[in-house]
């Protein structure tokens, strides 16, 4: 009787590139796993950033572009494109009266600090220039002589200072003070060698003019009070 032979198992010779291929496949799988994790983390960070932005927008409101001073602006300055720029600020922190466009060629009537939002009340109405731009509604510009030009010695003042106008006359009430306040807390709008121009309330303008013509006028600078 013949016995069936079991098939002979063929042994493939060792080929180095096969193990290299397996290692390459394992390395590729690991790389893609790392890439997937990194992408997930990036997506998570992006989501967190978007959520933080949404939360901030919800808390502060939408942003609006407003005029912001690029440098300190003094009374009498004429605004140029280098002085003020538009910046986005959260609407919730924008003060009332903020300008939403650069007030080019408008005169500054109240000091503005660098980085501060420019309010409409800090600049003169469009079209007003020179001294007229610094005179508020209901006021008049009146020049008074100082420093020897028919006036008393006064401290050095500059545009924007607030002063009291003092006057004394040759004929005074013996029981009263030798000098009195003609008007107080008015703003200096121009300074010349022998005269200072003041923006005084309309009703006080005649008294200031009379004191300048008939008496001796001195200016007292108003401080923090």
N, C-alpha and C. Protein backbone atom coordinates (compact mmCIF):
# COMPACT_ATOMS: atom_id res chain seq x y z
N UNK A 1 0.87 -1.18 0.00
CA UNK A 1 0.00 0.00 0.00
C UNK A 1 0.90 1.22 0.00
N UNK A 2 0.54 2.24 -0.81
CA UNK A 2 1.32 3.48 -0.92
C UNK A 2 0.83 4.50 0.09
N UNK A 3 1.75 5.17 0.76
CA UNK A 3 1.36 6.23 1.71
C UNK A 3 1.49 7.60 1.05
N UNK A 4 0.44 8.45 1.35
CA UNK A 4 0.47 9.80 0.75
C UNK A 4 1.50 10.66 1.48
N UNK A 5 2.27 11.35 0.68
CA UNK A 5 3.27 12.24 1.28
C UNK A 5 2.63 13.60 1.64
N UNK A 6 2.99 14.09 2.83
CA UNK A 6 2.50 15.45 3.20
C UNK A 6 3.26 16.48 2.37
N UNK A 7 2.53 17.52 1.98
CA UNK A 7 3.20 18.52 1.13
C UNK A 7 4.37 19.18 1.86
N UNK A 8 5.40 19.40 1.15
CA UNK A 8 6.58 20.03 1.76
C UNK A 8 6.34 21.54 1.89
N UNK A 9 6.60 22.07 3.11
CA UNK A 9 6.38 23.50 3.34
C UNK A 9 7.55 24.28 2.76
N UNK A 10 7.21 25.24 1.99
CA UNK A 10 8.25 26.05 1.34
C UNK A 10 8.66 27.18 2.27
N UNK A 11 9.87 27.33 2.52
CA UNK A 11 10.39 28.40 3.37
C UNK A 11 10.99 29.47 2.48
N UNK A 12 10.38 30.69 2.61
CA UNK A 12 10.88 31.79 1.79
C UNK A 12 12.18 32.31 2.37
N UNK A 13 13.06 32.63 1.54
CA UNK A 13 14.32 33.18 2.03
C UNK A 13 14.11 34.53 2.70
N UNK A 14 14.93 34.84 3.66
CA UNK A 14 14.82 36.14 4.36
C UNK A 14 15.21 37.27 3.41
N UNK A 15 14.30 38.23 3.34
CA UNK A 15 14.55 39.40 2.48
C UNK A 15 14.57 40.64 3.36
N UNK A 16 15.63 41.38 3.46
CA UNK A 16 15.75 42.52 4.38
C UNK A 16 14.71 43.60 4.14
N UNK A 17 14.32 43.82 2.92
CA UNK A 17 13.42 44.96 2.66
C UNK A 17 12.04 44.72 3.24
N UNK A 18 11.67 43.46 3.53
CA UNK A 18 10.35 43.21 4.10
C UNK A 18 10.24 43.79 5.53
N UNK A 19 11.27 43.54 6.33
CA UNK A 19 11.25 44.10 7.70
C UNK A 19 11.32 45.62 7.66
N UNK A 20 12.05 46.16 6.70
CA UNK A 20 12.10 47.63 6.57
C UNK A 20 10.74 48.18 6.22
N UNK A 21 10.01 47.44 5.36
CA UNK A 21 8.68 47.88 4.98
C UNK A 21 7.74 47.87 6.17
N UNK A 22 7.85 46.79 7.01
CA UNK A 22 7.00 46.73 8.20
C UNK A 22 7.30 47.88 9.15
N UNK A 23 8.58 48.17 9.32
CA UNK A 23 8.94 49.28 10.20
C UNK A 23 8.41 50.61 9.66
N UNK A 24 8.49 50.78 8.35
CA UNK A 24 7.99 52.01 7.73
C UNK A 24 6.49 52.15 7.94
N UNK A 25 5.78 51.00 7.81
CA UNK A 25 4.33 51.05 8.02
C UNK A 25 4.00 51.42 9.47
N UNK A 26 4.75 50.82 10.43
CA UNK A 26 4.50 51.15 11.84
C UNK A 26 4.81 52.63 12.11
N UNK A 27 5.90 53.12 11.52
CA UNK A 27 6.27 54.52 11.72
C UNK A 27 5.21 55.45 11.13
N UNK A 28 4.69 55.09 9.95
CA UNK A 28 3.66 55.92 9.32
C UNK A 28 2.40 55.95 10.17
N UNK A 29 2.04 54.78 10.71
CA UNK A 29 0.85 54.72 11.56
C UNK A 29 1.02 55.60 12.80
N UNK A 30 2.23 55.54 13.40
CA UNK A 30 2.48 56.36 14.58
C UNK A 30 2.44 57.85 14.23
N UNK A 31 3.01 58.19 13.05
CA UNK A 31 3.02 59.61 12.64
C UNK A 31 1.60 60.14 12.46
N UNK A 32 0.76 59.34 11.80
CA UNK A 32 -0.62 59.77 11.59
C UNK A 32 -1.38 59.89 12.91
N UNK A 33 -1.04 59.01 13.87
CA UNK A 33 -1.70 59.11 15.17
C UNK A 33 -1.32 60.41 15.87
N UNK A 34 0.00 60.74 15.82
CA UNK A 34 0.45 62.00 16.41
C UNK A 34 -0.19 63.19 15.72
N UNK A 35 -0.26 63.12 14.37
CA UNK A 35 -0.87 64.22 13.62
C UNK A 35 -2.33 64.39 14.00
N UNK A 36 -3.04 63.29 14.19
CA UNK A 36 -4.45 63.34 14.55
C UNK A 36 -4.62 63.98 15.92
N UNK A 37 -3.75 63.59 16.88
CA UNK A 37 -3.82 64.18 18.22
C UNK A 37 -3.53 65.68 18.16
N UNK A 38 -2.49 66.06 17.38
CA UNK A 38 -2.14 67.48 17.26
C UNK A 38 -3.28 68.26 16.64
N UNK A 39 -3.91 67.70 15.62
CA UNK A 39 -5.03 68.38 14.98
C UNK A 39 -6.18 68.54 15.96
N UNK A 40 -6.40 67.50 16.76
CA UNK A 40 -7.47 67.60 17.75
C UNK A 40 -7.21 68.69 18.77
N UNK A 41 -5.93 68.77 19.22
CA UNK A 41 -5.59 69.81 20.18
C UNK A 41 -5.72 71.19 19.57
N UNK A 42 -5.26 71.34 18.32
CA UNK A 42 -5.37 72.63 17.64
C UNK A 42 -6.83 73.03 17.50
N UNK A 43 -7.66 72.07 17.13
CA UNK A 43 -9.08 72.37 17.00
C UNK A 43 -9.69 72.77 18.33
N UNK A 44 -9.23 72.09 19.40
CA UNK A 44 -9.74 72.43 20.73
C UNK A 44 -9.35 73.84 21.12
N UNK A 45 -8.05 74.19 20.85
CA UNK A 45 -7.60 75.55 21.17
C UNK A 45 -8.36 76.59 20.34
N UNK A 46 -8.56 76.29 19.07
CA UNK A 46 -9.30 77.23 18.22
C UNK A 46 -10.72 77.41 18.74
N UNK A 47 -11.33 76.31 19.15
CA UNK A 47 -12.69 76.39 19.69
C UNK A 47 -12.72 77.23 20.96
N UNK A 48 -11.70 77.00 21.84
CA UNK A 48 -11.64 77.76 23.08
C UNK A 48 -11.44 79.25 22.80
N UNK A 49 -10.56 79.56 21.81
CA UNK A 49 -10.32 80.96 21.46
C UNK A 49 -11.58 81.61 20.91
N UNK A 50 -12.28 80.87 20.05
CA UNK A 50 -13.52 81.40 19.49
C UNK A 50 -14.56 81.62 20.57
N UNK A 51 -14.62 80.68 21.51
CA UNK A 51 -15.59 80.81 22.59
C UNK A 51 -15.23 82.00 23.48
N UNK A 52 -13.91 82.20 23.74
CA UNK A 52 -13.49 83.34 24.55
C UNK A 52 -13.83 84.65 23.86
N UNK A 53 -13.61 84.70 22.53
CA UNK A 53 -13.96 85.90 21.77
C UNK A 53 -15.45 86.17 21.83
N UNK A 54 -16.23 85.11 21.69
CA UNK A 54 -17.69 85.27 21.76
C UNK A 54 -18.12 85.73 23.14
N UNK A 55 -17.48 85.19 24.18
CA UNK A 55 -17.81 85.60 25.54
C UNK A 55 -17.47 87.07 25.77
N UNK A 56 -16.28 87.48 25.26
CA UNK A 56 -15.88 88.88 25.41
C UNK A 56 -16.83 89.80 24.66
N UNK A 57 -17.21 89.39 23.45
CA UNK A 57 -18.14 90.19 22.67
C UNK A 57 -19.49 90.31 23.38
N UNK A 58 -19.90 89.19 24.00
CA UNK A 58 -21.16 89.21 24.72
C UNK A 58 -21.08 90.13 25.93
N UNK A 59 -19.90 90.13 26.61
CA UNK A 59 -19.76 90.94 27.81
C UNK A 59 -19.58 92.42 27.50
N UNK A 60 -18.80 92.76 26.45
CA UNK A 60 -18.46 94.14 26.16
C UNK A 60 -19.24 94.73 24.99
N UNK A 61 -19.89 93.90 24.21
CA UNK A 61 -20.62 94.40 23.06
C UNK A 61 -19.74 94.45 21.82
N UNK A 62 -20.34 94.71 20.70
CA UNK A 62 -19.60 94.81 19.45
C UNK A 62 -18.65 96.00 19.49
N UNK A 63 -17.58 95.91 18.71
CA UNK A 63 -16.61 97.01 18.65
C UNK A 63 -17.09 98.09 17.69
N UNK A 64 -16.65 99.29 17.95
CA UNK A 64 -16.97 100.42 17.08
C UNK A 64 -15.70 101.25 16.92
N UNK A 65 -15.50 101.80 15.74
CA UNK A 65 -14.32 102.64 15.50
C UNK A 65 -14.59 104.06 15.99
N UNK A 66 -13.68 104.55 16.82
CA UNK A 66 -13.81 105.90 17.37
C UNK A 66 -12.48 106.64 17.21
N UNK A 67 -12.54 107.96 17.30
CA UNK A 67 -11.34 108.78 17.19
C UNK A 67 -10.56 108.74 18.50
N UNK A 68 -9.26 108.45 18.41
CA UNK A 68 -8.40 108.35 19.60
C UNK A 68 -7.17 109.24 19.38
N UNK A 69 -6.80 110.00 20.40
CA UNK A 69 -5.65 110.90 20.29
C UNK A 69 -4.35 110.11 20.22
N UNK A 70 -3.51 110.43 19.24
CA UNK A 70 -2.21 109.78 19.09
C UNK A 70 -1.14 110.47 19.93
N UNK A 71 -1.42 111.66 20.40
CA UNK A 71 -0.49 112.41 21.25
C UNK A 71 -1.31 113.33 22.14
N UNK A 72 -0.66 113.95 23.11
CA UNK A 72 -1.36 114.92 23.95
C UNK A 72 -1.76 116.12 23.10
N UNK A 73 -3.02 116.50 23.21
CA UNK A 73 -3.53 117.65 22.46
C UNK A 73 -3.83 118.78 23.44
N UNK A 74 -3.32 119.97 23.13
CA UNK A 74 -3.52 121.13 23.99
C UNK A 74 -4.57 122.06 23.40
N UNK A 75 -5.12 122.91 24.26
CA UNK A 75 -6.10 123.89 23.81
C UNK A 75 -5.48 124.76 22.72
N UNK A 76 -6.21 124.92 21.63
CA UNK A 76 -5.74 125.74 20.52
C UNK A 76 -5.09 124.94 19.40
N UNK A 77 -4.74 123.67 19.65
CA UNK A 77 -4.16 122.84 18.59
C UNK A 77 -5.19 122.60 17.50
N UNK A 78 -4.72 122.58 16.26
CA UNK A 78 -5.58 122.24 15.12
C UNK A 78 -5.30 120.78 14.76
N UNK A 79 -6.32 119.95 14.78
CA UNK A 79 -6.15 118.51 14.61
C UNK A 79 -5.71 118.18 13.19
N UNK A 80 -4.63 117.38 13.08
CA UNK A 80 -4.16 116.90 11.79
C UNK A 80 -4.31 115.38 11.75
N UNK A 81 -3.99 114.79 10.60
CA UNK A 81 -4.11 113.33 10.44
C UNK A 81 -3.11 112.59 11.33
N UNK A 82 -2.05 113.28 11.78
CA UNK A 82 -1.06 112.64 12.65
C UNK A 82 -1.45 112.71 14.12
N UNK A 83 -2.44 113.52 14.45
CA UNK A 83 -2.82 113.74 15.84
C UNK A 83 -3.86 112.75 16.34
N UNK A 84 -4.74 112.32 15.46
CA UNK A 84 -5.89 111.48 15.84
C UNK A 84 -6.05 110.37 14.82
N UNK A 85 -6.37 109.17 15.29
CA UNK A 85 -6.61 108.03 14.40
C UNK A 85 -7.84 107.27 14.87
N UNK A 86 -8.42 106.49 13.96
CA UNK A 86 -9.57 105.66 14.32
C UNK A 86 -9.09 104.34 14.89
N UNK A 87 -9.68 103.92 15.99
CA UNK A 87 -9.35 102.65 16.63
C UNK A 87 -10.64 101.95 17.03
N UNK A 88 -10.61 100.61 16.99
CA UNK A 88 -11.77 99.82 17.41
C UNK A 88 -11.78 99.69 18.92
N UNK A 89 -12.87 100.05 19.54
CA UNK A 89 -13.05 99.92 20.98
C UNK A 89 -14.40 99.24 21.25
N UNK A 90 -14.48 98.41 22.31
CA UNK A 90 -15.77 97.81 22.66
C UNK A 90 -16.81 98.90 22.91
N UNK A 91 -17.97 98.75 22.35
CA UNK A 91 -18.99 99.78 22.47
C UNK A 91 -19.33 100.07 23.93
N UNK A 92 -19.23 99.05 24.79
CA UNK A 92 -19.60 99.22 26.19
C UNK A 92 -18.69 100.21 26.92
N UNK A 93 -17.44 100.38 26.44
CA UNK A 93 -16.51 101.28 27.14
C UNK A 93 -16.31 102.59 26.38
N UNK A 94 -17.03 102.79 25.30
CA UNK A 94 -16.92 104.04 24.54
C UNK A 94 -17.77 105.10 25.23
N UNK A 95 -17.18 106.24 25.63
CA UNK A 95 -17.96 107.27 26.33
C UNK A 95 -18.96 107.95 25.40
N UNK A 96 -20.00 108.49 25.99
CA UNK A 96 -21.00 109.22 25.22
C UNK A 96 -20.35 110.44 24.56
N UNK A 97 -20.74 110.71 23.34
CA UNK A 97 -20.19 111.86 22.63
C UNK A 97 -18.90 111.58 21.89
N UNK A 98 -18.45 110.31 21.88
CA UNK A 98 -17.21 109.98 21.17
C UNK A 98 -17.38 110.20 19.68
N UNK A 99 -16.35 110.74 19.06
CA UNK A 99 -16.39 110.98 17.62
C UNK A 99 -16.05 109.69 16.87
N UNK A 100 -16.79 109.40 15.82
CA UNK A 100 -16.55 108.20 15.02
C UNK A 100 -15.83 108.52 13.71
N UNK A 101 -15.31 109.73 13.62
CA UNK A 101 -14.46 110.11 12.48
C UNK A 101 -13.41 111.09 12.98
N UNK A 102 -12.30 111.16 12.29
CA UNK A 102 -11.21 112.05 12.70
C UNK A 102 -11.63 113.51 12.48
N UNK A 103 -11.57 114.35 13.54
CA UNK A 103 -12.01 115.76 13.41
C UNK A 103 -10.92 116.63 12.77
N UNK A 104 -10.62 116.36 11.53
CA UNK A 104 -9.54 117.09 10.85
C UNK A 104 -9.81 118.59 10.81
N UNK A 105 -8.76 119.35 11.09
CA UNK A 105 -8.76 120.81 11.02
C UNK A 105 -9.69 121.48 12.04
N UNK A 106 -10.15 120.71 13.01
CA UNK A 106 -10.95 121.33 14.07
C UNK A 106 -10.04 121.70 15.24
N UNK A 107 -10.40 122.75 15.94
CA UNK A 107 -9.57 123.31 17.00
C UNK A 107 -9.90 122.64 18.34
N UNK A 108 -8.86 122.25 19.06
CA UNK A 108 -9.04 121.63 20.37
C UNK A 108 -9.42 122.71 21.38
N UNK A 109 -10.52 122.50 22.12
CA UNK A 109 -10.97 123.49 23.10
C UNK A 109 -10.81 122.99 24.54
N UNK A 110 -10.43 121.72 24.70
CA UNK A 110 -10.19 121.15 26.02
C UNK A 110 -9.10 120.09 25.87
N UNK A 111 -8.12 120.03 26.79
CA UNK A 111 -6.99 119.11 26.63
C UNK A 111 -7.45 117.66 26.48
N UNK A 112 -6.73 116.91 25.62
CA UNK A 112 -7.00 115.49 25.39
C UNK A 112 -5.67 114.75 25.55
N UNK A 113 -5.65 113.72 26.38
CA UNK A 113 -4.42 112.96 26.61
C UNK A 113 -4.23 111.92 25.52
N UNK A 114 -2.99 111.56 25.26
CA UNK A 114 -2.68 110.52 24.29
C UNK A 114 -3.38 109.22 24.68
N UNK A 115 -4.01 108.57 23.71
CA UNK A 115 -4.73 107.33 23.97
C UNK A 115 -6.16 107.53 24.42
N UNK A 116 -6.57 108.77 24.62
CA UNK A 116 -7.93 109.06 25.08
C UNK A 116 -8.88 109.19 23.88
N UNK A 117 -10.10 108.71 24.06
CA UNK A 117 -11.12 108.87 23.03
C UNK A 117 -11.50 110.35 22.93
N UNK A 118 -11.56 110.86 21.72
CA UNK A 118 -11.86 112.27 21.50
C UNK A 118 -13.37 112.47 21.48
N UNK A 119 -13.85 113.32 22.36
CA UNK A 119 -15.27 113.65 22.42
C UNK A 119 -15.56 114.88 21.57
N UNK A 120 -16.79 114.95 21.09
CA UNK A 120 -17.17 116.10 20.29
C UNK A 120 -17.05 117.40 21.05
N UNK A 121 -17.24 117.35 22.38
CA UNK A 121 -17.16 118.57 23.19
C UNK A 121 -15.73 119.06 23.36
N UNK A 122 -14.74 118.22 23.02
CA UNK A 122 -13.33 118.62 23.18
C UNK A 122 -12.79 119.41 21.99
N UNK A 123 -13.55 119.48 20.92
CA UNK A 123 -13.11 120.23 19.74
C UNK A 123 -14.20 121.22 19.34
N UNK A 124 -13.77 122.30 18.71
CA UNK A 124 -14.71 123.33 18.28
C UNK A 124 -15.57 122.82 17.13
N UNK A 125 -16.75 123.40 16.96
CA UNK A 125 -17.58 123.03 15.81
C UNK A 125 -16.83 123.22 14.50
N UNK A 126 -17.14 122.39 13.54
CA UNK A 126 -16.48 122.45 12.24
C UNK A 126 -16.69 123.83 11.62
N UNK A 127 -15.63 124.44 11.13
CA UNK A 127 -15.72 125.73 10.47
C UNK A 127 -15.24 126.89 11.33
N UNK A 128 -15.21 126.71 12.66
CA UNK A 128 -14.73 127.77 13.54
C UNK A 128 -13.21 127.68 13.66
N UNK A 129 -12.53 128.79 13.48
CA UNK A 129 -11.07 128.81 13.55
C UNK A 129 -10.62 129.96 14.45
N UNK A 130 -9.32 129.93 14.77
CA UNK A 130 -8.75 131.03 15.54
C UNK A 130 -9.37 131.16 16.92
N UNK A 131 -9.39 132.39 17.43
CA UNK A 131 -9.93 132.66 18.77
C UNK A 131 -11.40 132.30 18.85
N UNK A 132 -12.14 132.54 17.78
CA UNK A 132 -13.58 132.26 17.80
C UNK A 132 -13.87 130.80 18.14
N UNK A 133 -12.97 129.90 17.72
CA UNK A 133 -13.18 128.47 17.98
C UNK A 133 -13.08 128.15 19.47
N UNK A 134 -12.40 129.00 20.24
CA UNK A 134 -12.19 128.74 21.66
C UNK A 134 -13.23 129.42 22.55
N UNK A 135 -14.12 130.19 21.95
CA UNK A 135 -15.12 130.92 22.74
C UNK A 135 -16.41 130.10 22.77
N UNK A 136 -16.80 129.61 23.96
CA UNK A 136 -18.02 128.80 24.05
C UNK A 136 -19.27 129.61 23.73
N UNK A 137 -20.33 128.91 23.45
CA UNK A 137 -21.61 129.57 23.22
C UNK A 137 -22.01 130.37 24.46
N UNK A 138 -22.54 131.56 24.25
CA UNK A 138 -22.94 132.41 25.37
C UNK A 138 -21.81 133.21 25.98
N UNK A 139 -20.61 133.16 25.39
CA UNK A 139 -19.46 133.90 25.89
C UNK A 139 -18.98 134.89 24.83
N UNK A 140 -18.12 135.82 25.29
CA UNK A 140 -17.54 136.80 24.39
C UNK A 140 -16.04 136.88 24.67
N UNK A 141 -15.25 137.12 23.64
CA UNK A 141 -13.80 137.29 23.80
C UNK A 141 -13.50 138.75 24.09
N UNK A 142 -12.86 139.00 25.23
CA UNK A 142 -12.53 140.36 25.65
C UNK A 142 -11.04 140.41 25.99
N UNK A 143 -10.34 141.40 25.45
CA UNK A 143 -8.91 141.57 25.74
C UNK A 143 -8.74 142.52 26.91
N UNK A 144 -7.86 142.14 27.83
CA UNK A 144 -7.56 143.02 28.97
C UNK A 144 -6.06 143.27 29.00
N UNK A 145 -5.65 144.51 29.30
CA UNK A 145 -4.21 144.82 29.36
C UNK A 145 -3.59 144.27 30.64
N UNK A 146 -2.36 143.82 30.54
CA UNK A 146 -1.65 143.28 31.70
C UNK A 146 -0.20 143.72 31.65
N UNK A 147 0.49 143.50 32.76
CA UNK A 147 1.94 143.74 32.86
C UNK A 147 2.36 145.13 32.42
N UNK A 148 1.77 146.13 33.05
CA UNK A 148 2.24 147.48 32.82
C UNK A 148 1.52 148.24 31.73
N UNK A 149 0.83 147.57 30.84
CA UNK A 149 0.10 148.29 29.80
C UNK A 149 -1.26 148.68 30.37
N UNK A 150 -1.26 149.67 31.24
CA UNK A 150 -2.44 150.13 31.96
C UNK A 150 -3.03 149.00 32.82
N UNK A 151 -2.22 148.04 33.19
CA UNK A 151 -2.71 146.96 34.03
C UNK A 151 -1.70 146.62 35.11
N UNK A 152 -2.13 145.79 36.06
CA UNK A 152 -1.24 145.38 37.14
C UNK A 152 -0.40 144.20 36.68
N UNK A 153 0.65 143.94 37.44
CA UNK A 153 1.48 142.78 37.12
C UNK A 153 0.66 141.52 37.36
N UNK A 154 0.66 140.61 36.38
CA UNK A 154 -0.11 139.37 36.45
C UNK A 154 0.82 138.19 36.23
N UNK A 155 0.46 137.02 36.76
CA UNK A 155 1.30 135.84 36.51
C UNK A 155 1.26 135.45 35.03
N UNK A 156 2.30 134.75 34.60
CA UNK A 156 2.34 134.28 33.22
C UNK A 156 1.21 133.27 33.01
N UNK A 157 0.45 133.48 31.97
CA UNK A 157 -0.66 132.58 31.66
C UNK A 157 -0.48 132.05 30.25
N UNK A 158 -1.19 130.99 29.95
CA UNK A 158 -1.15 130.43 28.60
C UNK A 158 -2.57 130.07 28.19
N UNK A 159 -2.75 129.84 26.91
CA UNK A 159 -4.07 129.49 26.39
C UNK A 159 -4.58 128.24 27.09
N UNK A 160 -5.82 128.31 27.53
CA UNK A 160 -6.43 127.18 28.22
C UNK A 160 -6.48 127.35 29.72
N UNK A 161 -5.65 128.25 30.29
CA UNK A 161 -5.70 128.50 31.74
C UNK A 161 -7.04 129.14 32.12
N UNK A 162 -7.46 128.86 33.36
CA UNK A 162 -8.64 129.50 33.90
C UNK A 162 -8.19 130.55 34.90
N UNK A 163 -8.79 131.74 34.82
CA UNK A 163 -8.36 132.85 35.67
C UNK A 163 -9.56 133.60 36.21
N UNK A 164 -9.31 134.32 37.33
CA UNK A 164 -10.24 135.32 37.83
C UNK A 164 -9.73 136.68 37.37
N UNK A 165 -10.66 137.56 37.03
CA UNK A 165 -10.29 138.92 36.64
C UNK A 165 -10.53 139.83 37.85
N UNK A 166 -9.45 140.42 38.35
CA UNK A 166 -9.52 141.34 39.48
C UNK A 166 -9.33 142.76 38.99
N UNK A 167 -10.00 143.71 39.63
CA UNK A 167 -9.87 145.11 39.22
C UNK A 167 -9.92 146.02 40.44
N UNK A 168 -9.15 147.09 40.39
CA UNK A 168 -9.20 148.14 41.41
C UNK A 168 -9.37 149.48 40.69
N UNK A 169 -9.99 150.44 41.40
CA UNK A 169 -10.29 151.74 40.81
C UNK A 169 -9.76 152.83 41.73
N UNK A 170 -9.58 154.03 41.16
CA UNK A 170 -9.09 155.15 41.96
C UNK A 170 -10.07 155.50 43.07
N UNK A 171 -11.35 155.42 42.79
CA UNK A 171 -12.38 155.73 43.78
C UNK A 171 -13.00 154.42 44.23
N UNK A 172 -12.81 154.09 45.49
CA UNK A 172 -13.35 152.84 46.03
C UNK A 172 -14.07 153.12 47.31
N UNK A 173 -14.89 152.21 47.72
CA UNK A 173 -15.60 152.29 48.99
C UNK A 173 -14.59 152.05 50.12
N UNK A 174 -14.38 153.03 50.99
CA UNK A 174 -13.38 152.85 52.06
C UNK A 174 -13.66 151.66 52.96
N UNK A 175 -14.91 151.27 53.06
CA UNK A 175 -15.25 150.16 53.93
C UNK A 175 -15.10 148.81 53.25
N UNK A 176 -14.85 148.83 51.95
CA UNK A 176 -14.75 147.58 51.20
C UNK A 176 -13.31 147.26 50.84
N UNK A 177 -13.11 146.15 50.15
CA UNK A 177 -11.75 145.76 49.74
C UNK A 177 -11.23 146.70 48.66
N UNK A 178 -9.92 146.85 48.55
CA UNK A 178 -9.36 147.75 47.54
C UNK A 178 -9.53 147.24 46.11
N UNK A 179 -9.80 145.96 45.96
CA UNK A 179 -10.01 145.39 44.62
C UNK A 179 -11.08 144.32 44.72
N UNK A 180 -11.71 144.05 43.60
CA UNK A 180 -12.76 143.04 43.61
C UNK A 180 -12.68 142.15 42.38
N UNK A 181 -13.43 141.04 42.45
CA UNK A 181 -13.49 140.11 41.33
C UNK A 181 -14.55 140.58 40.35
N UNK A 182 -14.13 140.85 39.13
CA UNK A 182 -15.06 141.27 38.09
C UNK A 182 -15.79 140.05 37.51
N UNK A 183 -15.04 139.00 37.24
CA UNK A 183 -15.61 137.73 36.80
C UNK A 183 -14.60 136.63 37.15
N UNK A 184 -15.09 135.43 37.35
CA UNK A 184 -14.20 134.37 37.81
C UNK A 184 -14.26 133.11 36.98
N UNK A 185 -13.15 132.38 36.96
CA UNK A 185 -13.11 131.08 36.29
C UNK A 185 -13.26 131.15 34.79
N UNK A 186 -12.78 132.22 34.16
CA UNK A 186 -12.90 132.35 32.71
C UNK A 186 -11.64 131.79 32.04
N UNK A 187 -11.75 131.48 30.78
CA UNK A 187 -10.67 130.79 30.06
C UNK A 187 -9.85 131.74 29.20
N UNK A 188 -8.53 131.58 29.27
CA UNK A 188 -7.63 132.35 28.41
C UNK A 188 -7.67 131.75 27.00
N UNK A 189 -7.95 132.60 26.00
CA UNK A 189 -8.02 132.11 24.62
C UNK A 189 -6.92 132.67 23.73
N UNK A 190 -6.20 133.68 24.21
CA UNK A 190 -5.06 134.22 23.44
C UNK A 190 -4.18 135.00 24.40
N UNK A 191 -2.87 134.98 24.11
CA UNK A 191 -1.90 135.70 24.95
C UNK A 191 -1.00 136.52 24.03
N UNK A 192 -0.93 137.81 24.29
CA UNK A 192 -0.03 138.70 23.56
C UNK A 192 0.92 139.35 24.56
N UNK A 193 1.83 140.19 24.06
CA UNK A 193 2.84 140.77 24.94
C UNK A 193 2.23 141.68 25.99
N UNK A 194 1.22 142.44 25.64
CA UNK A 194 0.66 143.42 26.59
C UNK A 194 -0.81 143.18 26.90
N UNK A 195 -1.40 142.13 26.38
CA UNK A 195 -2.83 141.89 26.63
C UNK A 195 -3.12 140.39 26.60
N UNK A 196 -4.14 140.03 27.33
CA UNK A 196 -4.62 138.66 27.34
C UNK A 196 -6.09 138.67 26.96
N UNK A 197 -6.47 137.78 26.07
CA UNK A 197 -7.87 137.71 25.64
C UNK A 197 -8.56 136.59 26.39
N UNK A 198 -9.72 136.91 26.95
CA UNK A 198 -10.46 135.98 27.78
C UNK A 198 -11.83 135.70 27.18
N UNK A 199 -12.30 134.47 27.36
CA UNK A 199 -13.67 134.11 26.98
C UNK A 199 -14.52 134.27 28.23
N UNK A 200 -15.28 135.35 28.30
CA UNK A 200 -16.07 135.65 29.51
C UNK A 200 -17.55 135.49 29.19
N UNK A 201 -18.37 135.17 30.20
CA UNK A 201 -19.82 135.10 29.96
C UNK A 201 -20.32 136.41 29.37
N UNK A 202 -21.28 136.31 28.48
CA UNK A 202 -21.76 137.49 27.76
C UNK A 202 -22.17 138.61 28.70
N UNK A 203 -22.84 138.28 29.81
CA UNK A 203 -23.30 139.32 30.73
C UNK A 203 -22.15 139.98 31.49
N UNK A 204 -21.00 139.29 31.59
CA UNK A 204 -19.86 139.88 32.30
C UNK A 204 -18.96 140.70 31.39
N UNK A 205 -19.15 140.59 30.08
CA UNK A 205 -18.26 141.28 29.14
C UNK A 205 -18.23 142.79 29.36
N UNK A 206 -19.40 143.47 29.55
CA UNK A 206 -19.33 144.92 29.77
C UNK A 206 -18.54 145.30 31.03
N UNK A 207 -18.68 144.53 32.11
CA UNK A 207 -17.95 144.85 33.34
C UNK A 207 -16.44 144.68 33.15
N UNK A 208 -16.06 143.61 32.43
CA UNK A 208 -14.63 143.40 32.16
C UNK A 208 -14.08 144.54 31.31
N UNK A 209 -14.84 144.96 30.30
CA UNK A 209 -14.38 146.05 29.44
C UNK A 209 -14.27 147.36 30.22
N UNK A 210 -15.23 147.62 31.12
CA UNK A 210 -15.18 148.83 31.94
C UNK A 210 -13.97 148.80 32.86
N UNK A 211 -13.72 147.64 33.50
CA UNK A 211 -12.58 147.53 34.40
C UNK A 211 -11.28 147.73 33.64
N UNK A 212 -11.20 147.22 32.43
CA UNK A 212 -9.97 147.36 31.63
C UNK A 212 -9.75 148.80 31.22
N UNK A 213 -10.86 149.55 31.00
CA UNK A 213 -10.74 150.93 30.52
C UNK A 213 -10.56 151.93 31.66
N UNK A 214 -11.22 151.69 32.80
CA UNK A 214 -11.24 152.68 33.88
C UNK A 214 -10.45 152.28 35.13
N UNK A 215 -10.06 151.05 35.23
CA UNK A 215 -9.38 150.62 36.44
C UNK A 215 -8.06 149.95 36.13
N UNK A 216 -7.55 149.27 37.14
CA UNK A 216 -6.32 148.50 37.00
C UNK A 216 -6.69 147.03 37.13
N UNK A 217 -6.35 146.25 36.10
CA UNK A 217 -6.79 144.86 36.03
C UNK A 217 -5.61 143.92 36.30
N UNK A 218 -5.89 142.86 37.03
CA UNK A 218 -4.91 141.79 37.26
C UNK A 218 -5.63 140.46 37.09
N UNK A 219 -4.87 139.47 36.71
CA UNK A 219 -5.42 138.12 36.53
C UNK A 219 -4.89 137.20 37.63
N UNK A 220 -5.77 136.38 38.18
CA UNK A 220 -5.38 135.39 39.19
C UNK A 220 -5.68 134.01 38.64
N UNK A 221 -4.66 133.16 38.53
CA UNK A 221 -4.85 131.82 37.97
C UNK A 221 -5.64 130.95 38.94
N UNK A 222 -6.64 130.27 38.42
CA UNK A 222 -7.47 129.38 39.22
C UNK A 222 -6.81 128.01 39.27
N UNK A 223 -6.66 127.46 40.47
CA UNK A 223 -6.04 126.16 40.62
C UNK A 223 -7.07 125.04 40.60
N UNK A 224 -6.82 124.00 41.40
CA UNK A 224 -7.67 122.83 41.40
C UNK A 224 -9.08 123.11 41.88
N UNK A 225 -9.29 124.19 42.61
CA UNK A 225 -10.62 124.47 43.13
C UNK A 225 -11.54 124.98 42.04
